[in-house]
Amino acid sequence: MENGFANDMSAATFLPELTNTNALGYLSIIIFNFTGFEVICTFAKDMENPTHDIPKSIILGGLTIGAIYLFAGFGIGAAIPADSIDPDYGMIVAVETMVGDSVL
């Protein structure tokens, strides 16, 4: 907090560059991150009112997943310079960079 953000945090930096074909490759990763929240449908027989509870659960699950990813992504982007973030091991390397190699 004393030194400010590690990256430019203006609104324009949060939008993908559609001219870069590599940016579209991350779409599958984003979609994969949201899979699984529909599993709540397997509990329909145990619900009192599944027609009300299932849509509510899917919406709340999607919002919760989105909020967690936004919080984690913003935190990593604020703490670590973009050129130091490993695209393959993102979260592991980000935490290792923030706390130091000796902790992990």
N, C-alpha and C. Protein backbone atom coordinates (compact mmCIF):
# COMPACT_ATOMS: atom_id res chain seq x y z
N MET A 1 0.82 -1.20 0.00
CA MET A 1 0.00 0.00 0.00
C MET A 1 0.86 1.26 0.00
N GLU A 2 2.03 1.20 0.59
CA GLU A 2 2.89 2.38 0.66
C GLU A 2 3.49 2.75 -0.69
N ASN A 3 3.73 1.77 -1.55
CA ASN A 3 4.39 2.01 -2.82
C ASN A 3 3.44 2.09 -4.01
N GLY A 4 2.16 1.95 -3.79
CA GLY A 4 1.19 1.99 -4.90
C GLY A 4 1.07 0.65 -5.60
N PHE A 5 0.42 0.66 -6.75
CA PHE A 5 0.18 -0.56 -7.51
C PHE A 5 1.40 -0.93 -8.34
N ALA A 6 1.60 -2.22 -8.55
CA ALA A 6 2.72 -2.71 -9.36
C ALA A 6 2.46 -2.54 -10.85
N ASN A 7 1.19 -2.41 -11.25
CA ASN A 7 0.80 -2.27 -12.65
C ASN A 7 -0.14 -1.09 -12.82
N ASP A 8 -0.34 -0.68 -14.05
CA ASP A 8 -1.32 0.35 -14.37
C ASP A 8 -2.71 -0.21 -14.13
N MET A 9 -3.49 0.39 -13.25
CA MET A 9 -4.81 -0.13 -12.89
C MET A 9 -5.93 0.73 -13.48
N SER A 10 -5.69 1.35 -14.62
CA SER A 10 -6.75 2.12 -15.26
C SER A 10 -7.76 1.16 -15.88
N ALA A 11 -8.97 1.64 -16.12
CA ALA A 11 -10.05 0.78 -16.63
C ALA A 11 -9.68 0.15 -17.97
N ALA A 12 -8.96 0.86 -18.81
CA ALA A 12 -8.61 0.34 -20.14
C ALA A 12 -7.71 -0.89 -20.06
N THR A 13 -6.95 -1.04 -19.00
CA THR A 13 -6.04 -2.19 -18.90
C THR A 13 -6.77 -3.48 -18.53
N PHE A 14 -8.02 -3.39 -18.13
CA PHE A 14 -8.78 -4.58 -17.76
C PHE A 14 -9.49 -5.21 -18.94
N LEU A 15 -9.51 -4.54 -20.07
CA LEU A 15 -10.16 -5.07 -21.26
C LEU A 15 -9.13 -5.78 -22.13
N PRO A 16 -9.50 -6.91 -22.72
CA PRO A 16 -8.54 -7.64 -23.55
C PRO A 16 -8.30 -6.91 -24.88
N GLU A 17 -7.13 -7.09 -25.43
CA GLU A 17 -6.82 -6.57 -26.75
C GLU A 17 -7.34 -7.56 -27.78
N LEU A 18 -8.39 -7.20 -28.50
CA LEU A 18 -8.97 -8.12 -29.47
C LEU A 18 -8.13 -8.24 -30.73
N THR A 19 -7.16 -7.34 -30.90
CA THR A 19 -6.27 -7.43 -32.05
C THR A 19 -5.21 -8.51 -31.84
N ASN A 20 -5.01 -8.91 -30.62
CA ASN A 20 -4.03 -9.94 -30.29
C ASN A 20 -4.73 -11.30 -30.30
N THR A 21 -4.34 -12.19 -31.20
CA THR A 21 -5.00 -13.49 -31.31
C THR A 21 -4.75 -14.37 -30.09
N ASN A 22 -3.68 -14.13 -29.36
CA ASN A 22 -3.41 -14.91 -28.15
C ASN A 22 -4.43 -14.62 -27.06
N ALA A 23 -4.98 -13.41 -27.04
CA ALA A 23 -5.95 -13.04 -26.01
C ALA A 23 -7.22 -13.88 -26.13
N LEU A 24 -7.60 -14.25 -27.33
CA LEU A 24 -8.79 -15.08 -27.52
C LEU A 24 -8.57 -16.51 -27.04
N GLY A 25 -7.32 -16.92 -26.95
CA GLY A 25 -7.01 -18.25 -26.45
C GLY A 25 -7.35 -18.42 -24.99
N TYR A 26 -7.41 -17.34 -24.25
CA TYR A 26 -7.75 -17.41 -22.83
C TYR A 26 -9.24 -17.56 -22.60
N LEU A 27 -10.05 -17.43 -23.64
CA LEU A 27 -11.50 -17.56 -23.50
C LEU A 27 -11.87 -18.95 -22.98
N SER A 28 -11.20 -19.98 -23.47
CA SER A 28 -11.49 -21.33 -22.99
C SER A 28 -11.16 -21.48 -21.51
N ILE A 29 -10.12 -20.81 -21.05
CA ILE A 29 -9.75 -20.86 -19.64
C ILE A 29 -10.81 -20.17 -18.79
N ILE A 30 -11.28 -19.04 -19.26
CA ILE A 30 -12.32 -18.31 -18.54
C ILE A 30 -13.60 -19.14 -18.45
N ILE A 31 -13.98 -19.77 -19.54
CA ILE A 31 -15.18 -20.61 -19.53
C ILE A 31 -14.98 -21.80 -18.59
N PHE A 32 -13.81 -22.42 -18.63
CA PHE A 32 -13.52 -23.55 -17.74
C PHE A 32 -13.64 -23.14 -16.28
N ASN A 33 -13.24 -21.93 -15.94
CA ASN A 33 -13.31 -21.47 -14.55
C ASN A 33 -14.74 -21.45 -14.02
N PHE A 34 -15.69 -21.29 -14.92
CA PHE A 34 -17.08 -21.21 -14.49
C PHE A 34 -17.82 -22.54 -14.60
N THR A 35 -17.17 -23.59 -15.02
CA THR A 35 -17.85 -24.88 -15.09
C THR A 35 -17.93 -25.49 -13.70
N GLY A 36 -18.97 -26.24 -13.49
CA GLY A 36 -19.13 -26.92 -12.22
C GLY A 36 -20.21 -26.33 -11.35
N PHE A 37 -20.56 -25.04 -11.54
CA PHE A 37 -21.57 -24.48 -10.67
C PHE A 37 -22.97 -24.98 -11.01
N GLU A 38 -23.12 -25.67 -12.14
CA GLU A 38 -24.42 -26.24 -12.48
C GLU A 38 -24.64 -27.59 -11.79
N VAL A 39 -23.64 -28.09 -11.08
CA VAL A 39 -23.74 -29.37 -10.40
C VAL A 39 -24.83 -29.35 -9.32
N ILE A 40 -25.23 -28.17 -8.91
CA ILE A 40 -26.28 -28.05 -7.90
C ILE A 40 -27.57 -28.76 -8.34
N CYS A 41 -27.74 -28.93 -9.65
CA CYS A 41 -28.94 -29.61 -10.16
C CYS A 41 -29.02 -31.06 -9.70
N THR A 42 -27.92 -31.67 -9.34
CA THR A 42 -27.95 -33.05 -8.88
C THR A 42 -28.64 -33.18 -7.52
N PHE A 43 -28.82 -32.07 -6.84
CA PHE A 43 -29.49 -32.09 -5.53
C PHE A 43 -30.97 -31.74 -5.63
N ALA A 44 -31.54 -31.72 -6.83
CA ALA A 44 -32.93 -31.30 -7.03
C ALA A 44 -33.92 -32.15 -6.24
N LYS A 45 -33.67 -33.46 -6.16
CA LYS A 45 -34.62 -34.33 -5.45
C LYS A 45 -34.65 -34.07 -3.95
N ASP A 46 -33.59 -33.46 -3.41
CA ASP A 46 -33.52 -33.18 -1.97
C ASP A 46 -34.03 -31.78 -1.62
N MET A 47 -34.39 -30.98 -2.62
CA MET A 47 -34.84 -29.61 -2.37
C MET A 47 -36.35 -29.55 -2.20
N GLU A 48 -36.80 -28.62 -1.38
CA GLU A 48 -38.24 -28.43 -1.19
C GLU A 48 -38.88 -27.79 -2.41
N ASN A 49 -38.19 -26.82 -3.02
CA ASN A 49 -38.73 -26.10 -4.17
C ASN A 49 -37.63 -25.95 -5.23
N PRO A 50 -37.35 -27.03 -5.99
CA PRO A 50 -36.24 -26.97 -6.94
C PRO A 50 -36.42 -25.94 -8.05
N THR A 51 -37.64 -25.66 -8.46
CA THR A 51 -37.84 -24.67 -9.53
C THR A 51 -37.42 -23.27 -9.09
N HIS A 52 -37.41 -23.03 -7.82
CA HIS A 52 -36.95 -21.74 -7.28
C HIS A 52 -35.49 -21.81 -6.85
N ASP A 53 -35.10 -22.92 -6.22
CA ASP A 53 -33.77 -23.02 -5.63
C ASP A 53 -32.65 -23.23 -6.66
N ILE A 54 -32.92 -23.99 -7.73
CA ILE A 54 -31.87 -24.26 -8.72
C ILE A 54 -31.43 -23.00 -9.43
N PRO A 55 -32.33 -22.21 -10.02
CA PRO A 55 -31.86 -20.97 -10.67
C PRO A 55 -31.15 -20.02 -9.69
N LYS A 56 -31.68 -19.93 -8.48
CA LYS A 56 -31.05 -19.09 -7.47
C LYS A 56 -29.64 -19.57 -7.15
N SER A 57 -29.46 -20.89 -7.02
CA SER A 57 -28.15 -21.46 -6.72
C SER A 57 -27.17 -21.24 -7.85
N ILE A 58 -27.62 -21.41 -9.09
CA ILE A 58 -26.73 -21.22 -10.24
C ILE A 58 -26.29 -19.77 -10.33
N ILE A 59 -27.21 -18.84 -10.15
CA ILE A 59 -26.86 -17.42 -10.22
C ILE A 59 -25.92 -17.04 -9.09
N LEU A 60 -26.24 -17.46 -7.86
CA LEU A 60 -25.37 -17.14 -6.73
C LEU A 60 -24.00 -17.80 -6.87
N GLY A 61 -23.97 -19.03 -7.37
CA GLY A 61 -22.70 -19.72 -7.58
C GLY A 61 -21.85 -19.00 -8.62
N GLY A 62 -22.46 -18.58 -9.72
CA GLY A 62 -21.72 -17.85 -10.75
C GLY A 62 -21.19 -16.53 -10.26
N LEU A 63 -22.01 -15.81 -9.50
CA LEU A 63 -21.57 -14.53 -8.94
C LEU A 63 -20.44 -14.71 -7.92
N THR A 64 -20.54 -15.76 -7.12
CA THR A 64 -19.50 -16.05 -6.13
C THR A 64 -18.18 -16.41 -6.81
N ILE A 65 -18.25 -17.27 -7.83
CA ILE A 65 -17.04 -17.65 -8.56
C ILE A 65 -16.42 -16.42 -9.21
N GLY A 66 -17.25 -15.60 -9.85
CA GLY A 66 -16.75 -14.38 -10.49
C GLY A 66 -16.11 -13.44 -9.50
N ALA A 67 -16.72 -13.27 -8.34
CA ALA A 67 -16.17 -12.37 -7.32
C ALA A 67 -14.82 -12.87 -6.80
N ILE A 68 -14.71 -14.16 -6.59
CA ILE A 68 -13.44 -14.72 -6.10
C ILE A 68 -12.33 -14.52 -7.13
N TYR A 69 -12.64 -14.80 -8.40
CA TYR A 69 -11.62 -14.62 -9.45
C TYR A 69 -11.25 -13.16 -9.61
N LEU A 70 -12.22 -12.26 -9.54
CA LEU A 70 -11.91 -10.83 -9.67
C LEU A 70 -11.05 -10.34 -8.50
N PHE A 71 -11.40 -10.77 -7.30
CA PHE A 71 -10.64 -10.38 -6.11
C PHE A 71 -9.21 -10.88 -6.20
N ALA A 72 -9.04 -12.16 -6.55
CA ALA A 72 -7.70 -12.74 -6.65
C ALA A 72 -6.91 -12.11 -7.79
N GLY A 73 -7.56 -11.91 -8.93
CA GLY A 73 -6.87 -11.31 -10.07
C GLY A 73 -6.45 -9.88 -9.81
N PHE A 74 -7.33 -9.11 -9.18
CA PHE A 74 -6.98 -7.73 -8.84
C PHE A 74 -5.84 -7.69 -7.84
N GLY A 75 -5.89 -8.56 -6.85
CA GLY A 75 -4.83 -8.59 -5.85
C GLY A 75 -3.49 -8.94 -6.43
N ILE A 76 -3.46 -9.93 -7.31
CA ILE A 76 -2.20 -10.32 -7.95
C ILE A 76 -1.71 -9.19 -8.86
N GLY A 77 -2.63 -8.60 -9.62
CA GLY A 77 -2.25 -7.51 -10.52
C GLY A 77 -1.76 -6.28 -9.79
N ALA A 78 -2.28 -6.05 -8.60
CA ALA A 78 -1.85 -4.89 -7.82
C ALA A 78 -0.50 -5.12 -7.15
N ALA A 79 -0.17 -6.37 -6.84
CA ALA A 79 1.03 -6.65 -6.06
C ALA A 79 2.25 -7.05 -6.89
N ILE A 80 2.01 -7.63 -8.07
CA ILE A 80 3.12 -8.18 -8.84
C ILE A 80 3.15 -7.55 -10.23
N PRO A 81 4.30 -7.09 -10.69
CA PRO A 81 4.39 -6.55 -12.05
C PRO A 81 3.97 -7.60 -13.09
N ALA A 82 3.28 -7.15 -14.13
CA ALA A 82 2.73 -8.06 -15.13
C ALA A 82 3.79 -8.93 -15.79
N ASP A 83 4.98 -8.41 -15.99
CA ASP A 83 6.02 -9.21 -16.64
C ASP A 83 6.60 -10.28 -15.71
N SER A 84 6.25 -10.26 -14.44
CA SER A 84 6.71 -11.27 -13.49
C SER A 84 5.69 -12.37 -13.25
N ILE A 85 4.50 -12.24 -13.84
CA ILE A 85 3.44 -13.23 -13.65
C ILE A 85 3.61 -14.33 -14.69
N ASP A 86 3.72 -15.55 -14.24
CA ASP A 86 3.88 -16.70 -15.13
C ASP A 86 2.49 -17.12 -15.65
N PRO A 87 2.28 -17.13 -16.97
CA PRO A 87 0.96 -17.48 -17.48
C PRO A 87 0.58 -18.94 -17.28
N ASP A 88 1.57 -19.81 -17.08
CA ASP A 88 1.27 -21.22 -16.89
C ASP A 88 0.98 -21.60 -15.45
N TYR A 89 1.67 -20.96 -14.52
CA TYR A 89 1.52 -21.32 -13.11
C TYR A 89 0.97 -20.17 -12.27
N GLY A 90 0.34 -19.21 -12.89
CA GLY A 90 -0.18 -17.98 -12.31
C GLY A 90 -0.24 -17.87 -10.81
N MET A 91 -1.19 -18.52 -10.18
CA MET A 91 -1.43 -18.34 -8.75
C MET A 91 -0.27 -18.83 -7.90
N ILE A 92 0.31 -19.97 -8.25
CA ILE A 92 1.40 -20.53 -7.46
C ILE A 92 2.61 -19.60 -7.48
N VAL A 93 2.99 -19.16 -8.66
CA VAL A 93 4.15 -18.28 -8.79
C VAL A 93 3.84 -16.91 -8.19
N ALA A 94 2.61 -16.44 -8.31
CA ALA A 94 2.24 -15.15 -7.74
C ALA A 94 2.38 -15.15 -6.22
N VAL A 95 1.87 -16.18 -5.58
CA VAL A 95 1.99 -16.28 -4.12
C VAL A 95 3.44 -16.44 -3.73
N GLU A 96 4.17 -17.23 -4.47
CA GLU A 96 5.60 -17.44 -4.18
C GLU A 96 6.37 -16.12 -4.32
N THR A 97 6.00 -15.31 -5.30
CA THR A 97 6.65 -14.02 -5.51
C THR A 97 6.33 -13.06 -4.36
N MET A 98 5.08 -13.10 -3.88
CA MET A 98 4.67 -12.18 -2.82
C MET A 98 5.27 -12.53 -1.47
N VAL A 99 5.36 -13.84 -1.16
CA VAL A 99 5.81 -14.25 0.18
C VAL A 99 7.26 -14.68 0.21
N GLY A 100 7.83 -14.94 -0.96
CA GLY A 100 9.22 -15.38 -1.00
C GLY A 100 9.32 -16.87 -1.23
N ASP A 101 10.41 -17.31 -1.82
CA ASP A 101 10.61 -18.72 -2.15
C ASP A 101 10.78 -19.59 -0.91
N SER A 102 11.30 -19.06 0.15
CA SER A 102 11.61 -19.88 1.31
C SER A 102 10.37 -20.36 2.06
N VAL A 103 9.25 -19.68 1.90
CA VAL A 103 8.04 -20.04 2.62
C VAL A 103 7.39 -21.27 2.01
N LEU A 104 7.37 -21.35 0.68
CA LEU A 104 6.73 -22.49 0.01
C LEU A 104 7.74 -23.55 -0.18
